[in-house]
Amino acid sequence: MSLAEHATRRNLFATFLTLVLVYWLFMSGSSHKVASNQPLAPPKGAPSFKRTIVAVGDLHGDYENMMEVLKMSGAVAKNGTWSGNVDYLVQTGDIIDRGDEVIKMYRYIEGLRGQARAHGGDVRSHLGNHEVMNLIGDWRFVPPAEISTFGGIEARQKLLSTGWIGAAWRANYSVTTRLPLHPSLGAINIDYDETTAASLQDLSHAALSFCHGGLSPTYSKLTPYPSSINDIGSRLMARLQDRKVQPKPHPPHPYAGLPKGTTAEEVELYEADGPLWYRGWAMDKEVVACKAVDNLLKKIGVRRLIMGHTPHFSHILSRCDGKIILIDTGISHAYGGILSAAKFTYTLWPSKTEGMWIARDLVTAIYPDGEDVLVDDVREIRANFL
């Protein structure tokens, strides 16, 4: 499909959404579809709350396309600095491999993270399967030109293990993130607790889950979420980075695999159904995915799963009424997919009904030629949080 054909299809779809104007309930409880006499934006002068999150998928060594996407999304200004127009920028892993601008990209992301935090925002980064592959010694997707930018094999191994990139991975990269849409749910990556959630009424699951591959319903260490997964990931990273001698890269040498002493939990994390590699939410039939997703969302206390890893080159894919958002569109020139970012905008303002609030949960896909609305949920909720 050409970009022109794709743009036409997206425009037709957007027109259809505009004409239909249907807002579905996402969660059960005392929330309900907004009444027709309620505004769909905060009235001028009314107290309101807004949280904006931009998420970007796999980047694979392409600095120029990364910058185009970040500017296009509004997360950074034209000069490449933090714009202040979003609260959080989330990147779901796989910055490394397939391109030769990896060092430049990691350096930029770390600088941007500091700028964001200085302005009250943040950049949330994730480990992809390719970051971990490189530490294991699986270099099948490392181009020779990238190795040269590091100054050779040994210099590259050192920078990824005990050097500044390795230190950044340990300090600022997690396997998964639970990001609340409202401060009353606590800080980022506070574990979901059903008892506490009950007191939050309709806001109990007002959070998003991010990871690289996906959270399999059969993965045995889902809870407490997200600390269980992230703690295992931290231990595996330390095990790989702290080896006195790094394994010789494969190829040309034999594949070393996970090191001796790796625990069963760490092995499971890196297996096909672990969060770094899982593709079920992207590959399963719609009926299978949608049947399974609600139980997982309830278990980990979120309303959407957002992940990269499995590319759809023409568009960001929304499944199961937006409960699953797949954001890898092959941004890197290595794939030649469409440039894209996902934007999540959550807005709250007082309802005309006493004691109630209007919550609008808007998800859009951003492309070079415009935006698509993926989700537009507007609900009246009861919550005591201000």
Protein backbone atom coordinates (compact mmCIF):
# COMPACT_ATOMS: atom_id res chain seq x y z
CA MET A 1 0.00 0.00 0.00
CA SER A 2 1.37 3.42 -0.93
CA LEU A 3 1.57 6.28 1.56
CA ALA A 4 -1.10 8.13 -0.42
CA GLU A 5 -3.47 5.15 -0.26
CA HIS A 6 -2.76 4.78 3.43
CA ALA A 7 -3.44 8.46 4.06
CA THR A 8 -6.77 8.19 2.19
CA ARG A 9 -7.77 5.18 4.25
CA ARG A 10 -6.89 6.96 7.48
CA ASN A 11 -8.85 10.05 6.46
CA LEU A 12 -11.93 7.95 5.67
CA PHE A 13 -11.61 6.20 8.99
CA ALA A 14 -11.27 9.50 10.85
CA THR A 15 -14.39 10.82 9.07
CA PHE A 16 -16.28 7.71 10.07
CA LEU A 17 -15.28 8.20 13.70
CA THR A 18 -16.37 11.81 13.60
CA LEU A 19 -19.81 10.91 12.22
CA VAL A 20 -20.43 8.05 14.60
CA LEU A 21 -19.24 9.81 17.79
CA VAL A 22 -19.66 6.74 19.96
CA TYR A 23 -17.99 6.68 23.35
CA TRP A 24 -17.71 3.27 24.96
CA LEU A 25 -17.29 2.58 28.64
CA PHE A 26 -13.90 1.14 29.34
CA MET A 27 -14.15 0.10 32.97
CA SER A 28 -17.01 -1.06 35.12
CA GLY A 29 -18.11 0.71 38.30
CA SER A 30 -20.10 3.87 38.83
CA SER A 31 -18.70 5.51 35.69
CA HIS A 32 -21.07 5.82 32.75
CA LYS A 33 -21.26 7.31 29.29
CA VAL A 34 -21.29 11.08 29.38
CA ALA A 35 -24.68 12.76 29.11
CA SER A 36 -25.42 14.65 25.91
CA ASN A 37 -25.57 17.98 27.73
CA GLN A 38 -22.01 17.64 29.04
CA PRO A 39 -19.16 19.47 27.25
CA LEU A 40 -16.38 17.38 25.71
CA ALA A 41 -13.69 19.78 26.94
CA PRO A 42 -13.23 21.70 30.19
CA PRO A 43 -15.34 24.89 30.27
CA LYS A 44 -13.26 28.04 30.26
CA GLY A 45 -12.06 28.83 33.76
CA ALA A 46 -13.11 25.47 35.22
CA PRO A 47 -10.58 23.52 37.29
CA SER A 48 -9.13 20.69 35.25
CA PHE A 49 -6.32 18.17 35.07
CA LYS A 50 -4.45 17.03 31.97
CA ARG A 51 -1.72 14.46 31.46
CA THR A 52 -0.08 13.94 28.07
CA ILE A 53 2.11 10.97 27.18
CA VAL A 54 3.93 10.33 23.91
CA ALA A 55 5.16 6.81 23.14
CA VAL A 56 7.62 5.79 20.44
CA GLY A 57 8.51 2.27 19.32
CA ASP A 58 11.66 0.60 17.99
CA LEU A 59 14.30 2.99 16.62
CA HIS A 60 17.18 0.66 15.66
CA GLY A 61 20.15 2.91 15.11
CA ASP A 62 18.47 5.67 13.10
CA TYR A 63 19.14 9.06 14.70
CA GLU A 64 17.61 11.16 11.93
CA ASN A 65 14.30 9.32 11.91
CA MET A 66 14.22 9.34 15.70
CA MET A 67 14.53 13.12 15.70
CA GLU A 68 11.84 13.49 13.05
CA VAL A 69 9.46 11.40 15.13
CA LEU A 70 10.18 13.25 18.38
CA LYS A 71 9.65 16.64 16.73
CA MET A 72 6.54 15.45 14.91
CA SER A 73 5.07 14.16 18.18
CA GLY A 74 5.55 17.48 19.96
CA ALA A 75 7.80 15.97 22.63
CA VAL A 76 10.77 18.05 21.48
CA ALA A 77 11.05 21.47 19.87
CA LYS A 78 12.43 22.13 16.40
CA ASN A 79 15.88 22.67 17.91
CA GLY A 80 15.77 19.23 19.55
CA THR A 81 15.29 20.36 23.14
CA TRP A 82 12.51 19.23 25.47
CA SER A 83 9.37 21.11 24.44
CA GLY A 84 7.45 21.02 27.71
CA ASN A 85 4.31 20.19 25.73
CA VAL A 86 4.06 16.65 27.07
CA ASP A 87 4.44 15.20 30.54
CA TYR A 88 6.12 11.93 29.59
CA LEU A 89 7.98 10.54 26.62
CA VAL A 90 8.06 6.73 26.62
CA GLN A 91 10.35 4.68 24.38
CA THR A 92 9.71 0.94 24.33
CA GLY A 93 13.20 -0.39 23.61
CA ASP A 94 15.38 -1.56 20.71
CA ILE A 95 17.39 1.59 20.15
CA ILE A 96 20.41 -0.58 19.40
CA ASP A 97 21.26 -2.72 16.32
CA ARG A 98 20.50 -2.45 12.59
CA GLY A 99 22.01 1.06 12.32
CA ASP A 100 25.26 2.89 13.05
CA GLU A 101 24.08 5.92 15.08
CA VAL A 102 23.54 4.10 18.37
CA ILE A 103 26.01 6.07 20.51
CA LYS A 104 24.62 9.38 19.28
CA MET A 105 21.08 8.21 20.06
CA TYR A 106 21.77 7.04 23.59
CA ARG A 107 23.69 10.24 24.33
CA TYR A 108 20.79 12.34 23.07
CA ILE A 109 18.18 10.39 25.06
CA GLU A 110 20.15 10.78 28.29
CA GLY A 111 20.47 14.52 27.70
CA LEU A 112 16.78 14.82 26.90
CA ARG A 113 15.91 12.93 30.07
CA GLY A 114 17.75 15.51 32.13
CA GLN A 115 15.99 18.37 30.34
CA ALA A 116 12.59 16.76 30.87
CA ARG A 117 13.13 16.22 34.58
CA ALA A 118 14.33 19.78 35.00
CA HIS A 119 10.96 20.92 33.63
CA GLY A 120 8.80 18.53 35.64
CA GLY A 121 8.49 15.86 32.95
CA ASP A 122 10.35 12.63 32.29
CA VAL A 123 11.64 10.26 29.64
CA ARG A 124 10.83 6.62 30.44
CA SER A 125 13.04 4.09 28.68
CA HIS A 126 12.71 0.33 28.29
CA LEU A 127 15.00 -2.56 27.56
CA GLY A 128 14.19 -4.32 24.33
CA ASN A 129 15.22 -7.82 23.38
CA HIS A 130 18.06 -6.33 21.32
CA GLU A 131 19.61 -4.51 24.28
CA VAL A 132 19.73 -7.80 26.19
CA MET A 133 20.85 -9.79 23.14
CA ASN A 134 23.92 -7.59 22.88
CA LEU A 135 24.87 -8.23 26.49
CA ILE A 136 24.44 -11.97 26.03
CA GLY A 137 26.78 -11.81 23.04
CA ASP A 138 24.18 -12.24 20.30
CA TRP A 139 25.42 -9.72 17.74
CA ARG A 140 23.64 -11.08 14.66
CA PHE A 141 22.06 -7.70 13.94
CA VAL A 142 25.06 -5.47 14.66
CA PRO A 143 26.34 -3.91 11.41
CA PRO A 144 30.13 -3.57 11.07
CA ALA A 145 29.74 0.20 10.76
CA GLU A 146 28.21 0.34 14.23
CA ILE A 147 31.09 -1.60 15.75
CA SER A 148 33.46 0.91 14.16
CA THR A 149 31.70 3.84 15.86
CA PHE A 150 32.48 2.22 19.22
CA GLY A 151 36.15 1.74 18.34
CA GLY A 152 36.05 -2.03 17.98
CA ILE A 153 34.56 -5.10 19.60
CA GLU A 154 36.19 -4.81 23.03
CA ALA A 155 35.41 -1.10 23.30
CA ARG A 156 31.79 -1.80 22.41
CA GLN A 157 31.52 -4.57 24.98
CA LYS A 158 32.95 -2.30 27.65
CA LEU A 159 30.66 0.62 26.84
CA LEU A 160 27.56 -1.60 27.00
CA SER A 161 28.58 -3.34 30.22
CA THR A 162 30.58 -1.07 32.53
CA GLY A 163 30.66 2.11 30.43
CA TRP A 164 28.22 5.00 30.36
CA ILE A 165 25.66 3.26 28.13
CA GLY A 166 25.62 0.26 30.44
CA ALA A 167 25.25 2.57 33.43
CA ALA A 168 22.34 4.33 31.74
CA TRP A 169 20.64 0.98 31.11
CA ARG A 170 20.91 0.09 34.78
CA ALA A 171 19.78 3.46 36.07
CA ASN A 172 17.12 4.51 33.58
CA TYR A 173 15.86 1.49 31.63
CA SER A 174 13.24 -0.92 32.96
CA VAL A 175 11.57 -3.95 31.43
CA THR A 176 8.08 -2.55 31.95
CA THR A 177 6.37 0.57 33.27
CA ARG A 178 3.03 1.19 34.96
CA LEU A 179 2.27 4.85 34.28
CA PRO A 180 -0.73 6.35 36.13
CA LEU A 181 -2.95 8.78 34.28
CA HIS A 182 -3.64 10.72 37.48
CA PRO A 183 -1.41 11.49 40.52
CA SER A 184 -3.95 10.01 42.94
CA LEU A 185 -2.85 6.57 41.74
CA GLY A 186 0.66 7.21 43.02
CA ALA A 187 4.01 7.59 41.34
CA ILE A 188 5.20 5.81 38.23
CA ASN A 189 5.92 2.12 38.86
CA ILE A 190 4.16 1.98 42.22
CA ASP A 191 2.84 -1.58 42.42
CA TYR A 192 -0.84 -2.07 41.77
CA ASP A 193 -2.69 -3.01 44.96
CA GLU A 194 -6.33 -4.09 44.81
CA THR A 195 -7.07 -2.88 48.34
CA THR A 196 -5.76 0.61 47.66
CA ALA A 197 -7.41 0.63 44.24
CA ALA A 198 -10.84 0.09 45.77
CA SER A 199 -10.63 3.50 47.46
CA LEU A 200 -9.91 5.17 44.12
CA GLN A 201 -13.32 4.23 42.74
CA ASP A 202 -13.44 4.81 38.98
CA LEU A 203 -9.76 5.78 38.78
CA SER A 204 -8.55 2.39 40.04
CA HIS A 205 -7.28 1.23 36.62
CA ALA A 206 -6.49 4.65 35.15
CA ALA A 207 -2.95 3.65 34.23
CA LEU A 208 -1.03 2.44 31.18
CA SER A 209 1.36 -0.48 30.82
CA PHE A 210 4.42 -0.18 28.59
CA CYS A 211 6.98 -2.81 27.64
CA HIS A 212 8.90 -3.96 24.59
CA GLY A 213 7.45 -7.32 23.62
CA GLY A 214 4.35 -7.84 25.72
CA LEU A 215 3.03 -9.24 28.98
CA SER A 216 1.90 -12.79 28.38
CA PRO A 217 -1.12 -13.95 30.44
CA THR A 218 0.84 -17.14 31.17
CA TYR A 219 3.99 -15.39 32.41
CA SER A 220 4.42 -16.56 36.00
CA LYS A 221 5.91 -13.39 37.53
CA LEU A 222 3.38 -10.74 36.49
CA THR A 223 2.64 -9.58 40.03
CA PRO A 224 3.27 -7.58 42.04
CA TYR A 225 3.19 -5.40 38.96
CA PRO A 226 5.49 -3.90 37.84
CA SER A 227 8.17 -4.51 40.49
CA SER A 228 8.27 -8.30 40.06
CA ILE A 229 9.23 -8.06 36.39
CA ASN A 230 11.58 -5.11 36.82
CA ASP A 231 13.44 -6.68 39.74
CA ILE A 232 14.10 -9.82 37.72
CA GLY A 233 15.22 -7.68 34.80
CA SER A 234 17.63 -5.74 37.01
CA ARG A 235 19.16 -8.94 38.33
CA LEU A 236 19.62 -10.34 34.83
CA MET A 237 21.21 -7.10 33.62
CA ALA A 238 23.63 -7.09 36.54
CA ARG A 239 24.54 -10.71 35.89
CA LEU A 240 25.29 -9.99 32.24
CA GLN A 241 27.13 -6.71 32.77
CA ASP A 242 29.23 -7.74 35.77
CA ARG A 243 31.00 -10.69 34.13
CA LYS A 244 34.75 -10.34 34.32
CA VAL A 245 35.08 -11.53 30.74
CA GLN A 246 32.41 -10.75 28.18
CA PRO A 247 31.61 -13.58 25.73
CA LYS A 248 32.99 -13.42 22.23
CA PRO A 249 30.28 -12.11 19.94
CA HIS A 250 28.16 -14.41 17.83
CA PRO A 251 28.79 -14.46 14.93
CA PRO A 252 31.47 -15.48 14.12
CA HIS A 253 31.93 -17.26 17.45
CA PRO A 254 29.48 -19.83 18.86
CA TYR A 255 26.44 -18.46 20.66
CA ALA A 256 27.24 -18.27 24.37
CA GLY A 257 23.68 -18.10 25.68
CA LEU A 258 22.74 -17.00 29.17
CA PRO A 259 25.65 -17.34 31.61
CA LYS A 260 26.09 -20.07 34.18
CA GLY A 261 24.13 -19.32 37.34
CA THR A 262 21.24 -17.61 35.58
CA THR A 263 18.14 -18.27 37.67
CA ALA A 264 14.92 -19.85 36.42
CA GLU A 265 13.18 -16.47 36.82
CA GLU A 266 15.79 -14.77 34.66
CA VAL A 267 15.56 -17.51 32.03
CA GLU A 268 11.77 -17.13 31.88
CA LEU A 269 12.11 -13.36 31.47
CA TYR A 270 14.20 -13.89 28.33
CA GLU A 271 12.17 -16.75 26.86
CA ALA A 272 9.63 -16.43 24.04
CA ASP A 273 6.74 -15.76 26.44
CA GLY A 274 8.73 -13.28 28.51
CA PRO A 275 8.11 -9.52 28.26
CA LEU A 276 11.12 -8.94 25.99
CA TRP A 277 10.05 -11.36 23.26
CA TYR A 278 6.30 -12.07 23.57
CA ARG A 279 4.27 -11.47 20.40
CA GLY A 280 0.88 -12.88 21.36
CA TRP A 281 -0.95 -9.55 21.60
CA ALA A 282 0.27 -8.72 18.10
CA MET A 283 -0.04 -12.11 16.42
CA ASP A 284 -3.00 -13.87 18.03
CA LYS A 285 -6.36 -13.71 16.31
CA GLU A 286 -8.52 -10.81 17.44
CA VAL A 287 -11.05 -13.04 19.18
CA VAL A 288 -8.30 -14.80 21.15
CA ALA A 289 -6.51 -11.60 22.18
CA CYS A 290 -9.69 -9.78 23.17
CA LYS A 291 -10.93 -12.71 25.23
CA ALA A 292 -7.71 -12.79 27.25
CA VAL A 293 -6.84 -9.12 27.65
CA ASP A 294 -9.47 -8.05 30.20
CA ASN A 295 -8.27 -10.48 32.86
CA LEU A 296 -4.69 -9.29 32.45
CA LEU A 297 -5.67 -5.61 32.63
CA LYS A 298 -7.61 -6.26 35.81
CA LYS A 299 -4.75 -8.23 37.33
CA ILE A 300 -2.09 -5.56 36.82
CA GLY A 301 -4.29 -2.50 37.30
CA VAL A 302 -4.14 -0.80 33.92
CA ARG A 303 -6.52 -0.03 31.06
CA ARG A 304 -4.17 -0.39 28.07
CA LEU A 305 -1.13 -2.43 27.03
CA ILE A 306 1.33 -0.53 24.84
CA MET A 307 4.26 -2.33 23.22
CA GLY A 308 6.69 -2.37 20.31
CA HIS A 309 8.72 -5.33 18.97
CA THR A 310 6.31 -6.64 16.31
CA PRO A 311 6.26 -4.13 13.44
CA HIS A 312 3.25 -3.08 11.40
CA PHE A 313 4.91 -0.94 8.76
CA SER A 314 1.95 1.14 7.60
CA HIS A 315 0.32 2.23 10.86
CA ILE A 316 0.06 1.95 14.63
CA LEU A 317 -2.32 -0.90 15.39
CA SER A 318 -5.12 -0.65 17.95
CA ARG A 319 -6.79 -3.91 18.98
CA CYS A 320 -9.69 -4.83 21.27
CA ASP A 321 -11.14 -1.29 21.46
CA GLY A 322 -7.77 0.23 22.26
CA LYS A 323 -6.88 -2.11 25.10
CA ILE A 324 -3.87 -3.23 23.04
CA ILE A 325 -1.77 -0.61 21.20
CA LEU A 326 1.12 -1.80 19.01
CA ILE A 327 3.47 1.08 18.25
CA ASP A 328 6.38 -0.44 16.28
CA THR A 329 6.00 0.75 12.69
CA GLY A 330 9.55 0.11 11.50
CA ILE A 331 10.77 3.68 12.01
CA SER A 332 14.40 2.86 11.23
CA HIS A 333 15.65 3.07 7.65
CA ALA A 334 16.61 -0.58 8.14
CA TYR A 335 12.90 -1.37 7.82
CA GLY A 336 11.57 1.55 5.82
CA GLY A 337 8.28 1.74 7.71
CA ILE A 338 6.22 4.83 8.43
CA LEU A 339 7.35 7.40 11.00
CA SER A 340 4.93 7.37 13.91
CA ALA A 341 4.24 8.10 17.56
CA ALA A 342 1.30 7.37 19.84
CA LYS A 343 -0.15 10.13 21.99
CA PHE A 344 -2.23 9.55 25.12
CA THR A 345 -4.13 12.55 26.49
CA TYR A 346 -6.11 12.20 29.72
CA THR A 347 -8.28 15.13 30.85
CA LEU A 348 -10.51 15.56 33.91
CA TRP A 349 -12.92 18.38 34.74
CA PRO A 350 -16.02 18.83 36.94
CA SER A 351 -19.29 17.43 35.65
CA LYS A 352 -22.58 19.29 35.82
CA THR A 353 -23.65 16.45 38.12
CA GLU A 354 -22.63 17.17 41.69
CA GLY A 355 -19.81 14.97 42.95
CA MET A 356 -18.99 13.68 39.48
CA TRP A 357 -16.21 14.39 36.98
CA ILE A 358 -15.84 14.09 33.25
CA ALA A 359 -12.85 11.99 32.16
CA ARG A 360 -11.74 12.05 28.55
CA ASP A 361 -9.21 9.44 27.47
CA LEU A 362 -7.93 10.23 23.98
CA VAL A 363 -5.42 8.09 22.06
CA THR A 364 -4.10 9.30 18.73
CA ALA A 365 -1.57 7.98 16.22
CA ILE A 366 0.70 10.68 14.81
CA TYR A 367 2.15 10.41 11.30
CA PRO A 368 3.98 12.83 8.99
CA ASP A 369 0.74 13.59 7.13
CA GLY A 370 -1.61 13.89 10.10
CA GLU A 371 -3.21 12.10 13.02
CA ASP A 372 -5.65 9.23 13.47
CA VAL A 373 -7.95 8.92 16.49
CA LEU A 374 -7.57 5.40 17.88
CA VAL A 375 -9.63 5.82 21.06
CA ASP A 376 -11.87 8.60 22.36
CA ASP A 377 -13.50 7.51 25.62
CA VAL A 378 -15.54 10.10 27.51
CA ARG A 379 -17.02 9.02 30.82
CA GLU A 380 -18.62 10.54 33.87
CA ILE A 381 -16.86 9.21 36.96
CA ARG A 382 -17.09 9.43 40.72
CA ALA A 383 -13.77 9.99 42.43
CA ASN A 384 -12.49 11.79 45.51
CA PHE A 385 -9.04 12.93 44.49
CA LEU A 386 -8.86 16.74 44.50
